[in-house]
């Protein structure tokens, strides 16, 4: 077995002729790939320029906290009654109102049969109260 493997290797080494056209095509391929890579990197080497575009007209989005079992009494500039069983309506109203800095959502049954949402111009201090969910715009 060992003799046959050595003989096969010697035969291949002696009789294998590397075609010259493979070397030529390999060099051509390397030149093409090298040139295309250089062309693709040229825009990266150019200095950055400022883009002139119209000002954005979108409304900035804010993050608003949700503080369960907390009340922020005072500084109300508006309030509304809602049938929503969660504070998300109040939270969204605060996000979409530029004057709102904080909110308090009073659960249904505390101040009537429906829930009440209070939007606040400043964020008053927190007080513990199980009737409410409050939040602050960050």
N, C-alpha and C. Protein backbone atom coordinates (compact mmCIF):
# COMPACT_ATOMS: atom_id res chain seq x y z
N UNK A 1 0.84 -1.19 0.00
CA UNK A 1 0.00 0.00 0.00
C UNK A 1 0.88 1.24 0.00
N UNK A 2 1.89 1.26 0.85
CA UNK A 2 2.77 2.41 0.92
C UNK A 2 3.51 2.59 -0.40
N UNK A 3 3.91 1.54 -0.99
CA UNK A 3 4.62 1.60 -2.26
C UNK A 3 3.76 2.21 -3.35
N UNK A 4 2.48 1.82 -3.39
CA UNK A 4 1.58 2.34 -4.42
C UNK A 4 1.34 3.84 -4.26
N UNK A 5 1.23 4.34 -2.97
CA UNK A 5 1.00 5.77 -2.76
C UNK A 5 2.22 6.58 -3.17
N UNK A 6 3.41 6.11 -2.87
CA UNK A 6 4.63 6.81 -3.26
C UNK A 6 4.76 6.83 -4.77
N UNK A 7 4.47 5.70 -5.39
CA UNK A 7 4.56 5.62 -6.85
C UNK A 7 3.56 6.56 -7.51
N UNK A 8 2.36 6.66 -6.95
CA UNK A 8 1.35 7.57 -7.52
C UNK A 8 1.79 9.02 -7.38
N UNK A 9 2.36 9.37 -6.27
CA UNK A 9 2.83 10.74 -6.07
C UNK A 9 3.98 11.07 -7.02
N UNK A 10 4.90 10.17 -7.20
CA UNK A 10 6.02 10.41 -8.12
C UNK A 10 5.52 10.52 -9.55
N UNK A 11 4.57 9.70 -9.92
CA UNK A 11 4.00 9.77 -11.28
C UNK A 11 3.33 11.13 -11.49
N UNK A 12 2.51 11.58 -10.48
CA UNK A 12 1.81 12.85 -10.63
C UNK A 12 2.80 14.01 -10.67
N UNK A 13 3.84 13.96 -9.86
CA UNK A 13 4.82 15.04 -9.82
C UNK A 13 5.58 15.12 -11.14
N UNK A 14 5.89 13.99 -11.70
CA UNK A 14 6.67 13.97 -12.94
C UNK A 14 5.81 14.33 -14.16
N UNK A 15 4.57 13.86 -14.20
CA UNK A 15 3.76 14.00 -15.40
C UNK A 15 2.77 15.17 -15.37
N UNK A 16 2.63 15.82 -14.22
CA UNK A 16 1.67 16.93 -14.15
C UNK A 16 2.30 18.18 -14.73
N UNK A 17 1.66 18.74 -15.71
CA UNK A 17 2.14 19.96 -16.35
C UNK A 17 1.12 21.05 -16.07
N UNK A 18 1.56 22.13 -15.41
CA UNK A 18 0.64 23.22 -15.07
C UNK A 18 0.44 24.08 -16.30
N UNK A 19 -0.76 24.18 -16.79
CA UNK A 19 -0.99 24.96 -18.02
C UNK A 19 -0.69 26.44 -17.80
N UNK A 20 0.00 27.03 -18.76
CA UNK A 20 0.39 28.44 -18.65
C UNK A 20 -0.83 29.36 -18.76
N UNK A 21 -1.86 28.94 -19.47
CA UNK A 21 -3.03 29.81 -19.61
C UNK A 21 -3.78 29.96 -18.29
N UNK A 22 -3.68 28.99 -17.38
CA UNK A 22 -4.32 29.14 -16.07
C UNK A 22 -3.64 30.24 -15.28
N UNK A 23 -2.32 30.31 -15.38
CA UNK A 23 -1.59 31.39 -14.70
C UNK A 23 -2.00 32.74 -15.28
N UNK A 24 -2.10 32.82 -16.60
CA UNK A 24 -2.48 34.07 -17.25
C UNK A 24 -3.88 34.51 -16.81
N UNK A 25 -4.86 33.60 -16.84
CA UNK A 25 -6.23 33.95 -16.46
C UNK A 25 -6.32 34.28 -14.98
N UNK A 26 -5.51 33.61 -14.17
CA UNK A 26 -5.50 33.93 -12.75
C UNK A 26 -5.00 35.33 -12.48
N UNK A 27 -3.94 35.73 -13.20
CA UNK A 27 -3.42 37.09 -13.05
C UNK A 27 -4.42 38.13 -13.53
N UNK A 28 -5.07 37.84 -14.65
CA UNK A 28 -6.10 38.76 -15.17
C UNK A 28 -7.23 38.90 -14.16
N UNK A 29 -7.66 37.81 -13.56
CA UNK A 29 -8.73 37.84 -12.57
C UNK A 29 -8.31 38.67 -11.34
N UNK A 30 -7.09 38.48 -10.89
CA UNK A 30 -6.60 39.27 -9.76
C UNK A 30 -6.56 40.76 -10.09
N UNK A 31 -6.15 41.10 -11.29
CA UNK A 31 -6.12 42.51 -11.69
C UNK A 31 -7.53 43.10 -11.73
N UNK A 32 -8.48 42.35 -12.26
CA UNK A 32 -9.86 42.84 -12.34
C UNK A 32 -10.43 43.03 -10.93
N UNK A 33 -10.25 42.05 -10.07
CA UNK A 33 -10.77 42.17 -8.71
C UNK A 33 -10.09 43.30 -7.95
N UNK A 34 -8.80 43.43 -8.12
CA UNK A 34 -8.07 44.51 -7.46
C UNK A 34 -8.53 45.86 -7.94
N UNK A 35 -8.74 46.01 -9.26
CA UNK A 35 -9.19 47.28 -9.80
C UNK A 35 -10.60 47.62 -9.33
N UNK A 36 -11.50 46.64 -9.31
CA UNK A 36 -12.87 46.92 -8.88
C UNK A 36 -12.92 47.29 -7.40
N UNK A 37 -12.06 46.69 -6.59
CA UNK A 37 -12.00 47.04 -5.17
C UNK A 37 -11.50 48.46 -5.00
N UNK A 38 -10.49 48.85 -5.76
CA UNK A 38 -9.96 50.21 -5.67
C UNK A 38 -11.00 51.22 -6.11
N UNK A 39 -11.77 50.90 -7.15
CA UNK A 39 -12.81 51.82 -7.63
C UNK A 39 -13.90 51.97 -6.58
N UNK A 40 -14.27 50.88 -5.91
CA UNK A 40 -15.32 50.95 -4.90
C UNK A 40 -14.89 51.71 -3.65
N UNK A 41 -13.61 51.77 -3.35
CA UNK A 41 -13.13 52.47 -2.17
C UNK A 41 -12.90 53.95 -2.41
N UNK A 42 -12.88 54.40 -3.64
CA UNK A 42 -12.62 55.81 -3.92
C UNK A 42 -13.65 56.73 -3.27
N UNK A 43 -14.97 56.45 -3.32
CA UNK A 43 -15.90 57.36 -2.65
C UNK A 43 -15.68 57.46 -1.14
N UNK A 44 -15.14 56.42 -0.52
CA UNK A 44 -14.90 56.48 0.91
C UNK A 44 -13.75 57.43 1.25
N UNK A 45 -12.86 57.65 0.30
CA UNK A 45 -11.70 58.50 0.55
C UNK A 45 -12.02 59.98 0.37
N UNK A 46 -13.17 60.31 -0.21
CA UNK A 46 -13.53 61.71 -0.44
C UNK A 46 -14.05 62.33 0.84
N UNK A 47 -13.83 63.64 1.05
CA UNK A 47 -14.32 64.29 2.26
C UNK A 47 -15.84 64.35 2.28
N UNK A 48 -16.38 64.32 3.47
CA UNK A 48 -17.84 64.39 3.63
C UNK A 48 -18.33 65.79 3.35
N UNK A 49 -19.48 65.89 2.74
CA UNK A 49 -20.10 67.19 2.48
C UNK A 49 -21.46 67.23 3.14
N UNK A 50 -21.84 68.39 3.61
CA UNK A 50 -23.14 68.54 4.27
C UNK A 50 -24.24 68.49 3.23
N UNK A 51 -25.33 67.84 3.59
CA UNK A 51 -26.47 67.77 2.70
C UNK A 51 -27.46 68.85 3.08
N UNK A 52 -27.89 69.60 2.09
CA UNK A 52 -28.87 70.65 2.33
C UNK A 52 -30.24 70.04 2.10
N UNK A 53 -31.05 70.02 3.15
CA UNK A 53 -32.39 69.45 3.06
C UNK A 53 -33.34 70.33 3.85
N UNK A 54 -34.61 70.28 3.50
CA UNK A 54 -35.57 71.08 4.27
C UNK A 54 -35.65 70.62 5.71
N UNK A 55 -36.05 71.51 6.58
CA UNK A 55 -36.18 71.18 8.00
C UNK A 55 -37.28 70.14 8.20
N UNK A 56 -37.08 69.30 9.17
CA UNK A 56 -38.05 68.26 9.47
C UNK A 56 -39.32 68.87 10.05
N UNK A 57 -40.45 68.37 9.62
CA UNK A 57 -41.74 68.87 10.13
C UNK A 57 -42.41 67.84 11.04
N UNK A 58 -41.68 66.80 11.41
CA UNK A 58 -42.28 65.79 12.26
C UNK A 58 -42.30 66.25 13.71
N UNK A 59 -43.26 65.75 14.44
CA UNK A 59 -43.40 66.08 15.85
C UNK A 59 -42.44 65.18 16.63
N UNK A 60 -41.62 65.76 17.51
CA UNK A 60 -40.71 64.90 18.27
C UNK A 60 -41.49 63.98 19.21
N UNK A 61 -41.01 62.75 19.36
CA UNK A 61 -41.63 61.79 20.26
C UNK A 61 -40.90 61.80 21.58
N UNK A 62 -41.63 61.58 22.65
CA UNK A 62 -41.06 61.60 23.99
C UNK A 62 -41.33 60.27 24.68
N UNK A 63 -40.53 59.99 25.66
CA UNK A 63 -40.79 58.85 26.53
C UNK A 63 -41.50 59.37 27.76
N UNK A 64 -42.52 58.65 28.20
CA UNK A 64 -43.29 59.06 29.36
C UNK A 64 -43.34 57.88 30.33
N UNK A 65 -43.06 58.16 31.58
CA UNK A 65 -43.05 57.09 32.59
C UNK A 65 -44.48 56.70 32.98
N UNK A 66 -44.61 55.59 33.66
CA UNK A 66 -45.88 55.15 34.25
C UNK A 66 -45.58 54.74 35.69
N UNK A 67 -46.09 55.52 36.64
CA UNK A 67 -45.84 55.30 38.07
C UNK A 67 -47.15 54.82 38.70
N UNK A 68 -47.26 53.52 38.90
CA UNK A 68 -48.50 52.93 39.40
C UNK A 68 -48.62 53.16 40.91
N UNK A 69 -49.85 53.51 41.32
CA UNK A 69 -50.11 53.76 42.74
C UNK A 69 -49.51 55.08 43.22
N UNK A 70 -49.34 56.04 42.31
CA UNK A 70 -48.78 57.34 42.66
C UNK A 70 -49.65 58.44 42.07
N UNK A 71 -49.76 59.53 42.83
CA UNK A 71 -50.54 60.70 42.41
C UNK A 71 -49.60 61.89 42.33
N UNK A 72 -49.82 62.72 41.34
CA UNK A 72 -49.10 64.00 41.22
C UNK A 72 -50.18 65.09 41.26
N UNK A 73 -50.45 65.59 42.46
CA UNK A 73 -51.55 66.55 42.66
C UNK A 73 -51.10 67.95 42.30
N UNK A 74 -51.99 68.68 41.60
CA UNK A 74 -51.74 70.08 41.26
C UNK A 74 -51.14 70.26 39.88
N UNK A 75 -51.02 71.54 39.50
CA UNK A 75 -50.44 71.98 38.22
C UNK A 75 -51.22 71.48 37.01
N UNK A 76 -52.54 71.22 37.16
CA UNK A 76 -53.36 70.77 36.04
C UNK A 76 -53.65 71.95 35.12
N UNK A 77 -53.50 71.77 33.81
CA UNK A 77 -53.95 72.79 32.87
C UNK A 77 -55.16 72.32 32.08
N UNK A 78 -55.41 71.01 32.09
CA UNK A 78 -56.63 70.48 31.47
C UNK A 78 -56.90 69.09 32.03
N UNK A 79 -58.15 68.66 31.88
CA UNK A 79 -58.52 67.30 32.27
C UNK A 79 -59.63 66.83 31.34
N UNK A 80 -59.76 65.53 31.23
CA UNK A 80 -60.86 64.98 30.42
C UNK A 80 -61.27 63.62 30.99
N UNK A 81 -62.52 63.28 30.73
CA UNK A 81 -63.09 62.01 31.18
C UNK A 81 -62.88 60.99 30.07
N UNK A 82 -62.51 59.78 30.45
CA UNK A 82 -62.28 58.72 29.47
C UNK A 82 -62.91 57.42 29.96
N UNK A 83 -63.29 56.58 29.01
CA UNK A 83 -63.85 55.27 29.36
C UNK A 83 -62.77 54.19 29.31
N UNK A 84 -61.54 54.58 29.05
CA UNK A 84 -60.45 53.61 28.96
C UNK A 84 -60.13 53.03 30.33
N UNK A 85 -59.98 51.71 30.41
CA UNK A 85 -59.64 51.10 31.70
C UNK A 85 -58.14 51.15 32.01
N UNK A 86 -57.35 51.74 31.13
CA UNK A 86 -55.91 51.84 31.39
C UNK A 86 -55.44 53.28 31.20
N UNK A 87 -54.25 53.56 31.71
CA UNK A 87 -53.69 54.91 31.67
C UNK A 87 -53.05 55.24 30.33
N UNK A 88 -53.07 54.33 29.38
CA UNK A 88 -52.39 54.56 28.10
C UNK A 88 -52.97 55.73 27.32
N UNK A 89 -54.29 55.97 27.43
CA UNK A 89 -54.90 57.11 26.75
C UNK A 89 -54.36 58.41 27.32
N UNK A 90 -54.24 58.47 28.61
CA UNK A 90 -53.71 59.66 29.28
C UNK A 90 -52.23 59.85 28.92
N UNK A 91 -51.51 58.78 28.89
CA UNK A 91 -50.09 58.82 28.55
C UNK A 91 -49.89 59.31 27.11
N UNK A 92 -50.66 58.80 26.17
CA UNK A 92 -50.58 59.24 24.78
C UNK A 92 -50.96 60.71 24.63
N UNK A 93 -51.96 61.16 25.38
CA UNK A 93 -52.35 62.57 25.32
C UNK A 93 -51.22 63.46 25.78
N UNK A 94 -50.50 63.04 26.80
CA UNK A 94 -49.37 63.82 27.29
C UNK A 94 -48.24 63.84 26.26
N UNK A 95 -47.99 62.72 25.62
CA UNK A 95 -46.95 62.65 24.60
C UNK A 95 -47.26 63.59 23.45
N UNK A 96 -48.51 63.66 23.03
CA UNK A 96 -48.88 64.44 21.86
C UNK A 96 -49.12 65.92 22.15
N UNK A 97 -49.10 66.33 23.41
CA UNK A 97 -49.34 67.72 23.78
C UNK A 97 -48.01 68.36 24.20
N UNK A 98 -47.60 69.41 23.50
CA UNK A 98 -46.30 70.04 23.80
C UNK A 98 -46.29 70.73 25.16
N UNK A 99 -47.46 71.12 25.68
CA UNK A 99 -47.50 71.78 26.99
C UNK A 99 -47.38 70.81 28.16
N UNK A 100 -47.61 69.52 27.91
CA UNK A 100 -47.68 68.53 28.98
C UNK A 100 -46.29 68.13 29.46
N UNK A 101 -46.11 68.21 30.77
CA UNK A 101 -44.88 67.74 31.40
C UNK A 101 -45.12 66.49 32.23
N UNK A 102 -46.37 66.28 32.67
CA UNK A 102 -46.71 65.13 33.49
C UNK A 102 -48.22 64.88 33.36
N UNK A 103 -48.65 63.73 33.86
CA UNK A 103 -50.08 63.41 33.84
C UNK A 103 -50.42 62.59 35.07
N UNK A 104 -51.72 62.56 35.38
CA UNK A 104 -52.26 61.65 36.40
C UNK A 104 -53.55 61.07 35.87
N UNK A 105 -53.64 59.75 35.90
CA UNK A 105 -54.83 59.03 35.49
C UNK A 105 -55.50 58.51 36.76
N UNK A 106 -56.77 58.93 36.97
CA UNK A 106 -57.53 58.48 38.14
C UNK A 106 -58.46 57.37 37.66
N UNK A 107 -58.37 56.20 38.28
CA UNK A 107 -59.13 55.02 37.87
C UNK A 107 -60.64 55.27 37.97
N UNK A 108 -61.44 54.51 37.18
CA UNK A 108 -62.90 54.64 37.25
C UNK A 108 -63.42 54.29 38.65
N UNK A 109 -64.45 55.01 39.06
CA UNK A 109 -65.08 54.76 40.35
C UNK A 109 -64.53 55.62 41.47
N UNK A 110 -63.45 56.34 41.27
CA UNK A 110 -62.89 57.19 42.32
C UNK A 110 -63.53 58.58 42.27
N UNK A 111 -63.62 59.16 41.08
CA UNK A 111 -64.22 60.49 40.90
C UNK A 111 -65.45 60.40 40.01
N UNK A 112 -66.16 59.33 40.03
CA UNK A 112 -67.32 59.11 39.18
C UNK A 112 -67.22 57.73 38.56
N UNK A 113 -68.11 57.46 37.62
CA UNK A 113 -68.13 56.13 37.02
C UNK A 113 -67.03 55.94 35.97
N UNK A 114 -66.53 57.03 35.40
CA UNK A 114 -65.48 56.95 34.39
C UNK A 114 -64.14 57.41 34.96
N UNK A 115 -63.09 57.09 34.24
CA UNK A 115 -61.75 57.53 34.63
C UNK A 115 -61.56 58.99 34.22
N UNK A 116 -60.63 59.65 34.89
CA UNK A 116 -60.32 61.05 34.58
C UNK A 116 -58.82 61.16 34.36
N UNK A 117 -58.46 61.92 33.35
CA UNK A 117 -57.06 62.16 33.02
C UNK A 117 -56.75 63.63 33.25
N UNK A 118 -55.67 63.91 33.99
CA UNK A 118 -55.23 65.28 34.25
C UNK A 118 -53.86 65.48 33.60
N UNK A 119 -53.78 66.46 32.72
CA UNK A 119 -52.50 66.82 32.10
C UNK A 119 -51.93 68.01 32.86
N UNK A 120 -50.62 67.99 33.11
CA UNK A 120 -50.00 68.98 34.00
C UNK A 120 -48.90 69.75 33.27
N UNK A 121 -48.81 71.05 33.58
CA UNK A 121 -47.81 71.90 32.94
C UNK A 121 -46.42 71.70 33.53
N UNK A 122 -46.35 71.34 34.80
CA UNK A 122 -45.08 70.99 35.46
C UNK A 122 -45.32 69.68 36.20
N UNK A 123 -44.25 69.02 36.56
CA UNK A 123 -44.37 67.74 37.27
C UNK A 123 -44.37 67.96 38.77
N UNK A 124 -45.55 67.87 39.41
CA UNK A 124 -45.60 68.01 40.87
C UNK A 124 -44.96 66.81 41.56
N UNK A 125 -44.67 66.93 42.85
CA UNK A 125 -44.07 65.80 43.57
C UNK A 125 -45.04 64.63 43.69
N UNK A 126 -44.48 63.44 43.82
CA UNK A 126 -45.27 62.21 43.94
C UNK A 126 -45.80 62.02 45.36
N UNK A 127 -47.03 61.50 45.43
CA UNK A 127 -47.58 61.06 46.71
C UNK A 127 -48.19 59.68 46.49
N UNK A 128 -48.03 58.75 47.41
CA UNK A 128 -48.62 57.41 47.25
C UNK A 128 -50.14 57.49 47.29
N UNK A 129 -50.80 56.86 46.32
CA UNK A 129 -52.25 56.81 46.26
C UNK A 129 -52.64 55.68 45.31
N UNK A 130 -53.34 54.68 45.79
CA UNK A 130 -53.68 53.52 44.97
C UNK A 130 -54.70 53.81 43.88
N UNK A 131 -55.30 55.01 43.90
CA UNK A 131 -56.32 55.34 42.90
C UNK A 131 -55.74 55.76 41.56
N UNK A 132 -54.46 56.02 41.53
CA UNK A 132 -53.91 56.75 40.38
C UNK A 132 -52.72 56.06 39.73
N UNK A 133 -52.50 56.47 38.49
CA UNK A 133 -51.29 56.17 37.74
C UNK A 133 -50.79 57.51 37.21
N UNK A 134 -49.58 57.85 37.53
CA UNK A 134 -49.01 59.12 37.08
C UNK A 134 -47.80 58.86 36.21
N UNK A 135 -47.33 59.92 35.58
CA UNK A 135 -46.14 59.79 34.75
C UNK A 135 -45.56 61.14 34.42
N UNK A 136 -44.30 61.11 34.02
CA UNK A 136 -43.56 62.32 33.68
C UNK A 136 -42.99 62.16 32.29
N UNK A 137 -43.05 63.23 31.50
CA UNK A 137 -42.46 63.23 30.17
C UNK A 137 -40.95 63.42 30.33
N UNK A 138 -40.18 62.53 29.74
CA UNK A 138 -38.72 62.62 29.83
C UNK A 138 -38.14 63.37 28.65
